[in-house]
N, C-alpha and C. Protein backbone atom coordinates (compact mmCIF):
# COMPACT_ATOMS: atom_id res chain seq x y z
N MET A 1 24.36 53.67 -19.38
CA MET A 1 24.40 54.84 -20.26
C MET A 1 23.95 54.41 -21.64
N PHE A 2 22.90 55.07 -22.13
CA PHE A 2 22.34 54.73 -23.43
C PHE A 2 22.94 55.65 -24.50
N ILE A 3 23.15 55.08 -25.68
CA ILE A 3 23.65 55.84 -26.83
C ILE A 3 22.46 56.09 -27.75
N LEU A 4 21.92 57.33 -27.73
CA LEU A 4 20.74 57.69 -28.50
C LEU A 4 21.04 58.93 -29.32
N ASN A 5 20.42 59.01 -30.49
CA ASN A 5 20.56 60.20 -31.33
C ASN A 5 19.56 61.27 -30.86
N PRO A 6 19.69 62.52 -31.34
CA PRO A 6 18.81 63.61 -30.86
C PRO A 6 17.32 63.33 -31.04
N PRO A 7 16.83 62.79 -32.20
CA PRO A 7 15.39 62.50 -32.26
C PRO A 7 14.94 61.45 -31.24
N GLN A 8 15.78 60.46 -31.00
CA GLN A 8 15.42 59.45 -30.00
C GLN A 8 15.35 60.07 -28.60
N LEU A 9 16.31 60.94 -28.27
CA LEU A 9 16.28 61.62 -26.98
C LEU A 9 15.04 62.49 -26.84
N GLN A 10 14.62 63.13 -27.95
CA GLN A 10 13.43 63.97 -27.91
C GLN A 10 12.18 63.15 -27.67
N VAL A 11 12.12 61.96 -28.28
CA VAL A 11 10.97 61.08 -28.07
C VAL A 11 10.92 60.61 -26.62
N ILE A 12 12.06 60.19 -26.07
CA ILE A 12 12.11 59.72 -24.69
C ILE A 12 11.74 60.85 -23.73
N ASP A 13 12.22 62.06 -23.99
CA ASP A 13 11.91 63.19 -23.13
C ASP A 13 10.43 63.53 -23.18
N ALA A 14 9.84 63.48 -24.39
CA ALA A 14 8.42 63.80 -24.52
C ALA A 14 7.56 62.77 -23.79
N MET A 15 7.92 61.50 -23.90
CA MET A 15 7.14 60.46 -23.23
C MET A 15 7.32 60.51 -21.73
N SER A 16 8.48 60.93 -21.27
CA SER A 16 8.67 61.05 -19.82
C SER A 16 7.85 62.19 -19.23
N ASN A 17 7.46 63.18 -20.07
CA ASN A 17 6.62 64.28 -19.62
C ASN A 17 5.14 64.00 -19.79
N GLY A 18 4.80 62.77 -20.19
CA GLY A 18 3.39 62.38 -20.26
C GLY A 18 2.81 62.32 -21.65
N ALA A 19 3.61 62.56 -22.70
CA ALA A 19 3.10 62.51 -24.07
C ALA A 19 2.90 61.07 -24.51
N SER A 20 1.94 60.85 -25.37
CA SER A 20 1.72 59.52 -25.92
C SER A 20 2.75 59.24 -27.01
N LEU A 21 2.72 58.00 -27.52
CA LEU A 21 3.69 57.63 -28.54
C LEU A 21 3.49 58.45 -29.81
N THR A 22 2.23 58.70 -30.17
CA THR A 22 1.94 59.48 -31.38
C THR A 22 2.34 60.94 -31.20
N ASP A 23 2.05 61.50 -30.01
CA ASP A 23 2.42 62.90 -29.76
C ASP A 23 3.94 63.07 -29.69
N ALA A 24 4.64 62.07 -29.10
CA ALA A 24 6.09 62.15 -29.03
C ALA A 24 6.71 62.11 -30.42
N ALA A 25 6.16 61.28 -31.30
CA ALA A 25 6.66 61.23 -32.68
C ALA A 25 6.42 62.55 -33.40
N ALA A 26 5.26 63.18 -33.16
CA ALA A 26 4.97 64.46 -33.80
C ALA A 26 5.90 65.55 -33.28
N GLN A 27 6.21 65.55 -31.98
CA GLN A 27 7.11 66.56 -31.44
C GLN A 27 8.53 66.39 -31.98
N ALA A 28 8.95 65.15 -32.24
CA ALA A 28 10.29 64.92 -32.79
C ALA A 28 10.33 65.09 -34.30
N GLY A 29 9.18 65.28 -34.94
CA GLY A 29 9.15 65.46 -36.40
C GLY A 29 9.38 64.17 -37.16
N ILE A 30 8.98 63.05 -36.62
CA ILE A 30 9.16 61.76 -37.28
C ILE A 30 7.81 61.05 -37.33
N HIS A 31 7.80 59.95 -38.08
CA HIS A 31 6.57 59.15 -38.17
C HIS A 31 6.53 58.16 -37.01
N ARG A 32 5.32 57.74 -36.68
CA ARG A 32 5.16 56.78 -35.59
C ARG A 32 5.86 55.45 -35.90
N ASN A 33 5.87 55.07 -37.19
CA ASN A 33 6.52 53.81 -37.56
C ASN A 33 8.04 53.86 -37.33
N THR A 34 8.62 55.07 -37.34
CA THR A 34 10.05 55.18 -37.07
C THR A 34 10.38 54.73 -35.65
N ILE A 35 9.49 55.06 -34.73
CA ILE A 35 9.70 54.63 -33.34
C ILE A 35 9.61 53.10 -33.25
N SER A 36 8.69 52.51 -33.98
CA SER A 36 8.59 51.04 -33.99
C SER A 36 9.86 50.41 -34.57
N GLN A 37 10.43 51.05 -35.60
CA GLN A 37 11.67 50.54 -36.18
C GLN A 37 12.83 50.68 -35.20
N TRP A 38 12.88 51.78 -34.46
CA TRP A 38 13.93 51.93 -33.45
C TRP A 38 13.82 50.85 -32.38
N ARG A 39 12.61 50.51 -32.03
CA ARG A 39 12.41 49.48 -31.00
C ARG A 39 12.91 48.12 -31.46
N ARG A 40 12.90 47.88 -32.78
CA ARG A 40 13.36 46.60 -33.31
C ARG A 40 14.87 46.53 -33.46
N ILE A 41 15.50 47.64 -33.86
CA ILE A 41 16.91 47.58 -34.23
C ILE A 41 17.84 48.20 -33.19
N SER A 42 17.30 48.95 -32.22
CA SER A 42 18.16 49.64 -31.25
C SER A 42 17.87 49.12 -29.84
N PRO A 43 18.75 48.32 -29.28
CA PRO A 43 18.53 47.85 -27.90
C PRO A 43 18.55 49.00 -26.89
N ASP A 44 19.40 50.01 -27.10
CA ASP A 44 19.46 51.13 -26.17
C ASP A 44 18.14 51.91 -26.14
N PHE A 45 17.58 52.17 -27.34
CA PHE A 45 16.31 52.88 -27.38
C PHE A 45 15.19 52.04 -26.77
N ARG A 46 15.21 50.74 -27.05
CA ARG A 46 14.16 49.87 -26.51
C ARG A 46 14.20 49.84 -24.99
N GLU A 47 15.40 49.77 -24.41
CA GLU A 47 15.51 49.73 -22.96
C GLU A 47 15.16 51.08 -22.34
N ALA A 48 15.59 52.18 -22.98
CA ALA A 48 15.25 53.50 -22.47
C ALA A 48 13.75 53.75 -22.52
N LEU A 49 13.10 53.27 -23.60
CA LEU A 49 11.65 53.43 -23.71
C LEU A 49 10.93 52.61 -22.64
N ALA A 50 11.43 51.41 -22.37
CA ALA A 50 10.81 50.58 -21.34
C ALA A 50 10.94 51.22 -19.96
N ILE A 51 12.11 51.81 -19.67
CA ILE A 51 12.30 52.48 -18.38
C ILE A 51 11.38 53.69 -18.26
N THR A 52 11.23 54.43 -19.37
CA THR A 52 10.36 55.61 -19.34
C THR A 52 8.91 55.21 -19.09
N ARG A 53 8.45 54.16 -19.76
CA ARG A 53 7.07 53.70 -19.54
C ARG A 53 6.87 53.18 -18.13
N TYR A 54 7.88 52.54 -17.58
CA TYR A 54 7.77 52.04 -16.21
C TYR A 54 7.68 53.21 -15.22
N ASP A 55 8.49 54.24 -15.45
CA ASP A 55 8.44 55.42 -14.58
C ASP A 55 7.08 56.11 -14.68
N ARG A 56 6.52 56.16 -15.88
CA ARG A 56 5.19 56.77 -16.05
C ARG A 56 4.13 55.96 -15.33
N ALA A 57 4.24 54.64 -15.40
CA ALA A 57 3.26 53.79 -14.70
C ALA A 57 3.34 54.00 -13.19
N LEU A 58 4.56 54.14 -12.66
CA LEU A 58 4.69 54.43 -11.23
C LEU A 58 4.11 55.80 -10.87
N LEU A 59 4.31 56.78 -11.75
CA LEU A 59 3.77 58.11 -11.51
C LEU A 59 2.24 58.08 -11.48
N TYR A 60 1.63 57.41 -12.46
CA TYR A 60 0.18 57.32 -12.49
C TYR A 60 -0.36 56.53 -11.31
N ARG A 61 0.40 55.55 -10.86
CA ARG A 61 -0.05 54.78 -9.70
C ARG A 61 -0.04 55.64 -8.44
N ASP A 62 0.99 56.46 -8.30
CA ASP A 62 1.05 57.35 -7.14
C ASP A 62 -0.10 58.36 -7.17
N ARG A 63 -0.41 58.86 -8.35
CA ARG A 63 -1.53 59.80 -8.46
C ARG A 63 -2.85 59.12 -8.15
N ALA A 64 -2.99 57.86 -8.59
CA ALA A 64 -4.23 57.14 -8.32
C ALA A 64 -4.39 56.86 -6.82
N VAL A 65 -3.27 56.58 -6.14
CA VAL A 65 -3.34 56.35 -4.70
C VAL A 65 -3.77 57.62 -3.98
N GLU A 66 -3.29 58.77 -4.45
CA GLU A 66 -3.67 60.04 -3.83
C GLU A 66 -5.16 60.32 -3.98
N LEU A 67 -5.74 59.90 -5.09
CA LEU A 67 -7.16 60.16 -5.36
C LEU A 67 -8.06 58.99 -4.98
N ALA A 68 -7.50 57.97 -4.35
CA ALA A 68 -8.31 56.78 -4.03
C ALA A 68 -9.42 57.11 -3.04
N ASP A 69 -9.09 57.88 -2.01
CA ASP A 69 -10.12 58.22 -1.01
C ASP A 69 -11.27 59.00 -1.64
N LEU A 70 -10.92 59.97 -2.50
CA LEU A 70 -11.96 60.74 -3.17
C LEU A 70 -12.81 59.87 -4.09
N ALA A 71 -12.15 58.92 -4.78
CA ALA A 71 -12.89 58.02 -5.67
C ALA A 71 -13.87 57.15 -4.90
N PHE A 72 -13.46 56.66 -3.74
CA PHE A 72 -14.37 55.83 -2.96
C PHE A 72 -15.51 56.67 -2.37
N GLU A 73 -15.23 57.91 -2.04
CA GLU A 73 -16.32 58.77 -1.58
C GLU A 73 -17.32 59.03 -2.70
N THR A 74 -16.80 59.16 -3.94
CA THR A 74 -17.69 59.33 -5.08
C THR A 74 -18.55 58.10 -5.29
N LEU A 75 -17.93 56.93 -5.16
CA LEU A 75 -18.71 55.69 -5.28
C LEU A 75 -19.76 55.59 -4.17
N ARG A 76 -19.40 56.05 -2.97
CA ARG A 76 -20.37 56.04 -1.89
C ARG A 76 -21.58 56.93 -2.21
N GLY A 77 -21.25 58.10 -2.82
CA GLY A 77 -22.34 58.99 -3.18
C GLY A 77 -23.24 58.41 -4.26
N VAL A 78 -22.61 57.69 -5.23
CA VAL A 78 -23.40 57.06 -6.29
C VAL A 78 -24.31 55.98 -5.71
N LEU A 79 -23.77 55.22 -4.76
CA LEU A 79 -24.55 54.13 -4.19
C LEU A 79 -25.67 54.63 -3.28
N THR A 80 -25.42 55.73 -2.59
CA THR A 80 -26.43 56.23 -1.64
C THR A 80 -27.39 57.23 -2.26
N TYR A 81 -27.05 57.74 -3.43
CA TYR A 81 -27.95 58.72 -4.06
C TYR A 81 -29.16 57.99 -4.64
N PRO A 82 -30.36 58.35 -4.22
CA PRO A 82 -31.54 57.57 -4.66
C PRO A 82 -31.89 57.73 -6.13
N LYS A 83 -31.45 58.81 -6.75
CA LYS A 83 -31.80 59.04 -8.15
C LYS A 83 -30.77 58.47 -9.12
N SER A 84 -29.74 57.77 -8.62
CA SER A 84 -28.77 57.15 -9.54
C SER A 84 -29.44 56.01 -10.30
N SER A 85 -29.04 55.85 -11.56
CA SER A 85 -29.63 54.79 -12.37
C SER A 85 -29.21 53.43 -11.81
N PRO A 86 -30.04 52.42 -11.95
CA PRO A 86 -29.69 51.09 -11.41
C PRO A 86 -28.43 50.51 -12.05
N SER A 87 -28.20 50.78 -13.33
CA SER A 87 -27.01 50.21 -13.98
C SER A 87 -25.73 50.82 -13.40
N ILE A 88 -25.74 52.13 -13.16
CA ILE A 88 -24.55 52.78 -12.59
C ILE A 88 -24.31 52.30 -11.17
N ARG A 89 -25.38 52.20 -10.39
CA ARG A 89 -25.22 51.71 -9.02
C ARG A 89 -24.73 50.27 -9.00
N LEU A 90 -25.22 49.48 -9.97
CA LEU A 90 -24.78 48.09 -10.02
C LEU A 90 -23.30 48.00 -10.36
N ARG A 91 -22.83 48.78 -11.33
CA ARG A 91 -21.42 48.74 -11.68
C ARG A 91 -20.54 49.23 -10.54
N ALA A 92 -20.99 50.27 -9.84
CA ALA A 92 -20.23 50.75 -8.69
C ALA A 92 -20.18 49.71 -7.58
N ALA A 93 -21.29 49.03 -7.36
CA ALA A 93 -21.32 47.99 -6.32
C ALA A 93 -20.43 46.82 -6.70
N LEU A 94 -20.46 46.41 -7.98
CA LEU A 94 -19.60 45.30 -8.41
C LEU A 94 -18.13 45.66 -8.30
N TYR A 95 -17.79 46.90 -8.58
CA TYR A 95 -16.39 47.33 -8.45
C TYR A 95 -15.94 47.25 -6.99
N ILE A 96 -16.79 47.73 -6.07
CA ILE A 96 -16.43 47.69 -4.65
C ILE A 96 -16.30 46.25 -4.17
N ILE A 97 -17.22 45.40 -4.59
CA ILE A 97 -17.16 44.00 -4.17
C ILE A 97 -15.91 43.31 -4.71
N ASP A 98 -15.56 43.62 -5.96
CA ASP A 98 -14.36 43.00 -6.54
C ASP A 98 -13.11 43.44 -5.80
N LYS A 99 -12.99 44.72 -5.47
CA LYS A 99 -11.82 45.20 -4.76
C LYS A 99 -11.78 44.68 -3.34
N ALA A 100 -12.92 44.55 -2.72
CA ALA A 100 -12.94 44.09 -1.33
C ALA A 100 -12.68 42.60 -1.21
N SER A 101 -13.05 41.83 -2.24
CA SER A 101 -12.91 40.37 -2.17
C SER A 101 -11.60 39.88 -2.77
N THR A 102 -10.79 40.77 -3.35
CA THR A 102 -9.51 40.37 -3.95
C THR A 102 -8.38 40.85 -3.05
N PRO A 103 -7.76 39.94 -2.30
CA PRO A 103 -6.67 40.38 -1.41
C PRO A 103 -5.43 40.71 -2.24
N PRO A 104 -4.58 41.57 -1.73
CA PRO A 104 -3.32 41.88 -2.45
C PRO A 104 -2.40 40.68 -2.44
N LYS A 105 -1.51 40.65 -3.42
CA LYS A 105 -0.56 39.55 -3.52
C LYS A 105 0.48 39.69 -2.41
N PHE A 106 0.70 38.58 -1.73
CA PHE A 106 1.69 38.55 -0.66
C PHE A 106 2.98 37.99 -1.22
N GLU A 107 3.97 38.85 -1.39
CA GLU A 107 5.26 38.46 -1.93
C GLU A 107 6.17 38.06 -0.78
N LYS A 108 6.28 36.77 -0.58
CA LYS A 108 7.12 36.25 0.50
C LYS A 108 8.54 36.12 0.02
N GLU A 109 9.42 36.68 0.80
CA GLU A 109 10.84 36.60 0.44
C GLU A 109 11.38 35.23 0.82
N GLU A 110 11.96 34.53 -0.15
CA GLU A 110 12.48 33.20 0.11
C GLU A 110 13.76 33.29 0.93
N PRO A 111 13.86 32.45 1.96
CA PRO A 111 15.10 32.48 2.76
C PRO A 111 16.28 31.94 1.97
N ALA A 112 17.43 32.35 2.39
CA ALA A 112 18.65 31.88 1.72
C ALA A 112 18.85 30.40 1.99
N SER A 113 19.33 29.69 1.01
CA SER A 113 19.57 28.26 1.15
C SER A 113 20.83 28.01 1.97
N MET A 114 20.99 26.76 2.41
CA MET A 114 22.17 26.40 3.20
C MET A 114 23.44 26.56 2.39
N VAL A 115 23.36 26.28 1.10
CA VAL A 115 24.55 26.43 0.24
C VAL A 115 24.99 27.88 0.18
N ASP A 116 24.02 28.80 0.03
CA ASP A 116 24.37 30.21 -0.01
C ASP A 116 24.96 30.68 1.32
N MET A 117 24.41 30.17 2.42
CA MET A 117 24.93 30.56 3.74
C MET A 117 26.36 30.07 3.93
N PHE A 118 26.62 28.81 3.56
CA PHE A 118 27.97 28.28 3.70
C PHE A 118 28.96 29.01 2.79
N ASN A 119 28.52 29.34 1.56
CA ASN A 119 29.41 30.08 0.66
C ASN A 119 29.74 31.46 1.21
N ALA A 120 28.74 32.13 1.79
CA ALA A 120 28.99 33.44 2.38
C ALA A 120 29.93 33.35 3.57
N MET A 121 29.75 32.31 4.41
CA MET A 121 30.64 32.13 5.56
C MET A 121 32.07 31.83 5.11
N ALA A 122 32.21 30.98 4.06
CA ALA A 122 33.54 30.64 3.57
C ALA A 122 34.23 31.86 2.96
N GLU A 123 33.46 32.67 2.24
CA GLU A 123 34.05 33.87 1.65
C GLU A 123 34.49 34.86 2.72
N ALA A 124 33.68 35.02 3.78
CA ALA A 124 34.06 35.91 4.87
C ALA A 124 35.30 35.41 5.60
N GLU A 125 35.39 34.08 5.77
CA GLU A 125 36.56 33.52 6.43
C GLU A 125 37.82 33.71 5.59
N GLN A 126 37.70 33.55 4.27
CA GLN A 126 38.85 33.76 3.40
C GLN A 126 39.31 35.22 3.43
N ASN A 127 38.37 36.13 3.45
CA ASN A 127 38.74 37.55 3.50
C ASN A 127 39.43 37.88 4.83
N ARG A 128 38.92 37.32 5.93
CA ARG A 128 39.54 37.58 7.22
C ARG A 128 40.95 36.97 7.28
N PHE A 129 41.12 35.77 6.71
CA PHE A 129 42.44 35.13 6.70
C PHE A 129 43.43 35.91 5.83
N ALA A 130 42.94 36.45 4.70
CA ALA A 130 43.82 37.21 3.81
C ALA A 130 44.28 38.51 4.46
N GLN A 131 43.41 39.10 5.29
CA GLN A 131 43.80 40.34 5.97
C GLN A 131 44.83 40.08 7.08
N GLN A 132 44.80 38.90 7.69
CA GLN A 132 45.72 38.58 8.76
C GLN A 132 47.08 38.14 8.26
N GLN A 133 47.21 37.70 7.01
CA GLN A 133 48.47 37.23 6.47
C GLN A 133 49.42 38.39 6.24
N PRO A 134 50.72 38.25 6.67
CA PRO A 134 51.69 39.32 6.38
C PRO A 134 52.08 39.31 4.91
N PRO A 135 52.52 40.42 4.38
CA PRO A 135 52.91 40.46 2.95
C PRO A 135 54.12 39.58 2.69
N GLU A 136 54.12 38.89 1.58
CA GLU A 136 55.20 37.98 1.22
C GLU A 136 56.40 38.78 0.72
N PRO A 137 57.64 38.35 1.07
CA PRO A 137 58.83 39.06 0.55
C PRO A 137 58.98 38.85 -0.94
N ALA A 138 59.83 39.71 -1.54
CA ALA A 138 60.00 39.66 -2.99
C ALA A 138 60.68 38.38 -3.43
N ASN A 139 61.66 37.89 -2.63
CA ASN A 139 62.41 36.68 -3.01
C ASN A 139 61.83 35.45 -2.33
N HIS A 140 60.54 35.46 -2.13
CA HIS A 140 59.91 34.31 -1.47
C HIS A 140 60.04 33.06 -2.32
N ALA A 141 59.96 33.20 -3.63
CA ALA A 141 60.04 32.03 -4.51
C ALA A 141 61.42 31.40 -4.47
N GLN A 142 62.49 32.22 -4.17
CA GLN A 142 63.84 31.66 -4.14
C GLN A 142 64.17 31.02 -2.80
N ASN A 143 63.61 31.56 -1.69
CA ASN A 143 63.95 31.06 -0.36
C ASN A 143 63.11 29.87 0.07
N CYS A 144 61.93 29.72 -0.51
CA CYS A 144 61.05 28.65 -0.05
C CYS A 144 61.58 27.31 -0.54
N THR A 145 61.40 26.30 0.29
CA THR A 145 61.81 24.94 -0.05
C THR A 145 60.66 24.20 -0.67
N THR A 146 60.99 23.29 -1.53
CA THR A 146 59.97 22.52 -2.22
C THR A 146 59.39 21.47 -1.28
N VAL A 147 58.09 21.48 -1.13
CA VAL A 147 57.41 20.52 -0.27
C VAL A 147 57.09 19.31 -1.10
N PRO A 148 57.50 18.12 -0.66
CA PRO A 148 57.19 16.94 -1.48
C PRO A 148 55.70 16.69 -1.52
N ASN A 149 55.30 16.21 -2.64
CA ASN A 149 53.89 15.89 -2.84
C ASN A 149 53.51 14.68 -1.99
N ALA A 150 52.35 14.75 -1.37
CA ALA A 150 51.92 13.65 -0.51
C ALA A 150 51.69 12.39 -1.30
N ALA A 151 51.25 12.55 -2.53
CA ALA A 151 51.00 11.36 -3.35
C ALA A 151 52.30 10.66 -3.72
N GLU A 152 53.41 11.45 -3.80
CA GLU A 152 54.69 10.83 -4.17
C GLU A 152 55.31 10.06 -3.00
N SER A 153 54.96 10.47 -1.75
CA SER A 153 55.55 9.78 -0.60
C SER A 153 54.91 8.44 -0.32
N ILE A 154 53.72 8.20 -0.85
CA ILE A 154 53.04 6.92 -0.63
C ILE A 154 53.64 5.90 -1.60
N PRO A 155 54.11 4.76 -1.10
CA PRO A 155 54.68 3.76 -2.02
C PRO A 155 53.63 3.20 -2.94
N ALA A 156 54.01 3.05 -4.18
CA ALA A 156 53.08 2.51 -5.17
C ALA A 156 52.94 1.01 -4.99
N LEU A 157 51.71 0.53 -4.99
CA LEU A 157 51.43 -0.89 -4.80
C LEU A 157 50.92 -1.48 -6.10
N HIS A 158 51.35 -2.69 -6.35
CA HIS A 158 50.89 -3.44 -7.52
C HIS A 158 51.13 -2.66 -8.79
N VAL A 159 52.32 -2.17 -8.96
CA VAL A 159 52.67 -1.43 -10.16
C VAL A 159 53.18 -2.43 -11.19
N HIS A 160 52.60 -2.39 -12.35
CA HIS A 160 52.99 -3.31 -13.41
C HIS A 160 54.25 -2.81 -14.09
N ASN A 161 55.26 -3.66 -14.17
CA ASN A 161 56.51 -3.29 -14.81
C ASN A 161 56.41 -3.61 -16.29
N SER A 162 56.51 -2.53 -17.09
CA SER A 162 56.35 -2.73 -18.53
C SER A 162 57.55 -3.45 -19.14
N ALA A 163 58.71 -3.50 -18.42
CA ALA A 163 59.89 -4.16 -18.98
C ALA A 163 59.74 -5.68 -18.96
N GLN A 164 59.02 -6.20 -17.96
CA GLN A 164 58.82 -7.65 -17.86
C GLN A 164 57.53 -8.03 -18.57
N LYS A 165 57.65 -8.45 -19.81
CA LYS A 165 56.50 -8.86 -20.59
C LYS A 165 56.22 -10.33 -20.37
N PRO A 166 54.94 -10.72 -20.26
CA PRO A 166 54.63 -12.15 -20.09
C PRO A 166 54.99 -12.94 -21.34
N GLU A 167 55.50 -14.16 -21.10
CA GLU A 167 55.88 -15.01 -22.22
C GLU A 167 54.66 -15.60 -22.89
N THR A 168 54.73 -15.72 -24.21
CA THR A 168 53.62 -16.27 -24.98
C THR A 168 53.65 -17.79 -24.93
N TYR A 169 52.47 -18.38 -24.64
CA TYR A 169 52.39 -19.85 -24.58
C TYR A 169 52.37 -20.42 -25.99
N ARG A 170 53.19 -21.40 -26.23
CA ARG A 170 53.26 -22.06 -27.53
C ARG A 170 52.99 -23.55 -27.34
N ARG A 171 52.17 -24.09 -28.21
CA ARG A 171 51.84 -25.52 -28.15
C ARG A 171 53.01 -26.35 -28.66
N PRO A 172 53.20 -27.54 -28.08
CA PRO A 172 54.29 -28.41 -28.59
C PRO A 172 54.01 -28.95 -29.97
N GLU A 173 52.76 -29.13 -30.32
CA GLU A 173 52.40 -29.60 -31.66
C GLU A 173 51.23 -28.77 -32.15
N PRO A 174 51.02 -28.72 -33.44
CA PRO A 174 49.90 -27.94 -33.99
C PRO A 174 48.55 -28.45 -33.48
N LYS A 175 47.62 -27.52 -33.35
CA LYS A 175 46.29 -27.86 -32.85
C LYS A 175 45.52 -28.65 -33.89
N THR A 176 44.84 -29.68 -33.41
CA THR A 176 44.05 -30.54 -34.30
C THR A 176 42.65 -29.99 -34.39
N GLY A 177 42.16 -29.77 -35.62
CA GLY A 177 40.81 -29.28 -35.81
C GLY A 177 39.77 -30.36 -35.58
N ARG A 178 38.53 -29.95 -35.41
CA ARG A 178 37.47 -30.91 -35.15
C ARG A 178 37.22 -31.83 -36.33
N ASN A 179 37.35 -31.30 -37.54
CA ASN A 179 37.08 -32.09 -38.74
C ASN A 179 38.34 -32.71 -39.34
N ASP A 180 39.50 -32.53 -38.69
CA ASP A 180 40.74 -33.14 -39.18
C ASP A 180 40.77 -34.63 -38.82
N PRO A 181 41.57 -35.42 -39.55
CA PRO A 181 41.74 -36.84 -39.17
C PRO A 181 42.32 -36.96 -37.78
N CYS A 182 41.87 -37.91 -37.06
CA CYS A 182 42.30 -38.11 -35.67
C CYS A 182 43.78 -38.48 -35.64
N PRO A 183 44.61 -37.89 -34.77
CA PRO A 183 46.04 -38.20 -34.72
C PRO A 183 46.35 -39.61 -34.20
N CYS A 184 45.33 -40.34 -33.73
CA CYS A 184 45.59 -41.69 -33.21
C CYS A 184 45.81 -42.70 -34.34
N GLY A 185 45.53 -42.34 -35.58
CA GLY A 185 45.76 -43.24 -36.70
C GLY A 185 44.50 -43.83 -37.28
N SER A 186 43.36 -43.68 -36.61
CA SER A 186 42.12 -44.19 -37.20
C SER A 186 41.69 -43.30 -38.35
N THR A 187 40.80 -43.79 -39.13
CA THR A 187 40.32 -43.03 -40.30
C THR A 187 39.14 -42.12 -39.95
N ARG A 188 38.76 -42.07 -38.71
CA ARG A 188 37.62 -41.25 -38.31
C ARG A 188 38.07 -39.80 -38.05
N LYS A 189 37.10 -38.89 -38.02
CA LYS A 189 37.41 -37.50 -37.71
C LYS A 189 37.72 -37.36 -36.23
N TYR A 190 38.44 -36.31 -35.92
CA TYR A 190 38.89 -36.10 -34.55
C TYR A 190 37.70 -35.88 -33.60
N LYS A 191 36.63 -35.21 -34.08
CA LYS A 191 35.50 -34.93 -33.20
C LYS A 191 34.70 -36.18 -32.90
N HIS A 192 34.79 -37.23 -33.78
CA HIS A 192 34.08 -38.48 -33.54
C HIS A 192 34.95 -39.53 -32.88
N CYS A 193 36.24 -39.24 -32.70
CA CYS A 193 37.15 -40.26 -32.18
C CYS A 193 37.70 -39.85 -30.82
N CYS A 194 38.81 -39.12 -30.78
CA CYS A 194 39.52 -38.85 -29.52
C CYS A 194 39.20 -37.48 -28.90
N LEU A 195 38.35 -36.69 -29.52
CA LEU A 195 38.05 -35.37 -28.96
C LEU A 195 37.36 -35.52 -27.62
N ASN A 196 36.34 -36.36 -27.56
CA ASN A 196 35.63 -36.55 -26.30
C ASN A 196 36.52 -37.22 -25.26
N LYS A 197 37.41 -38.12 -25.70
CA LYS A 197 38.31 -38.76 -24.74
C LYS A 197 39.29 -37.75 -24.15
N SER A 198 39.76 -36.80 -24.97
CA SER A 198 40.70 -35.79 -24.46
C SER A 198 39.99 -34.87 -23.46
N ALA A 199 38.74 -34.54 -23.77
CA ALA A 199 37.98 -33.70 -22.85
C ALA A 199 37.74 -34.39 -21.53
N ALA A 200 37.48 -35.72 -21.61
CA ALA A 200 37.26 -36.49 -20.37
C ALA A 200 38.55 -36.57 -19.59
């Protein structure tokens, strides 16, 4: 349902009866630019105008189909009439050749995908199951027993106990740096004296 003011309705009605955009504006007593402004700011008018033009195109197409046989007979007469000018006969011949050599578009309907088929089957099964289920009583929530969760019945494995914290390792003596004096009593640095021996 479109929300249109009376001038807009008059324009749409005039165009649906075959009037052009300029004639429709003159019948509504407005300027042609007003219709252009309506098309920019009014989605309802824009959609109604598009539907009207589409209906007119279908109407003209139906009329053209009705006159197609007569038009081709006229072209036949132009082509067979010996006094027709060569340019007119050439244009008529080119039109016939173009129409005869251009096949119509074949719009193939794409089959439904497997996902769509499975979704439709699942929805139909759910609807059938819902129809077979009896109505639940009012106090169903009070009478039903709580079903234990399956995840809770499985014993937990390798669960870390946060209460048992690992003890921190402490060295019996302070760590000797690489550039500190060697604890063996020599005057050399630890990295040049006992570091390699400790590693070995």
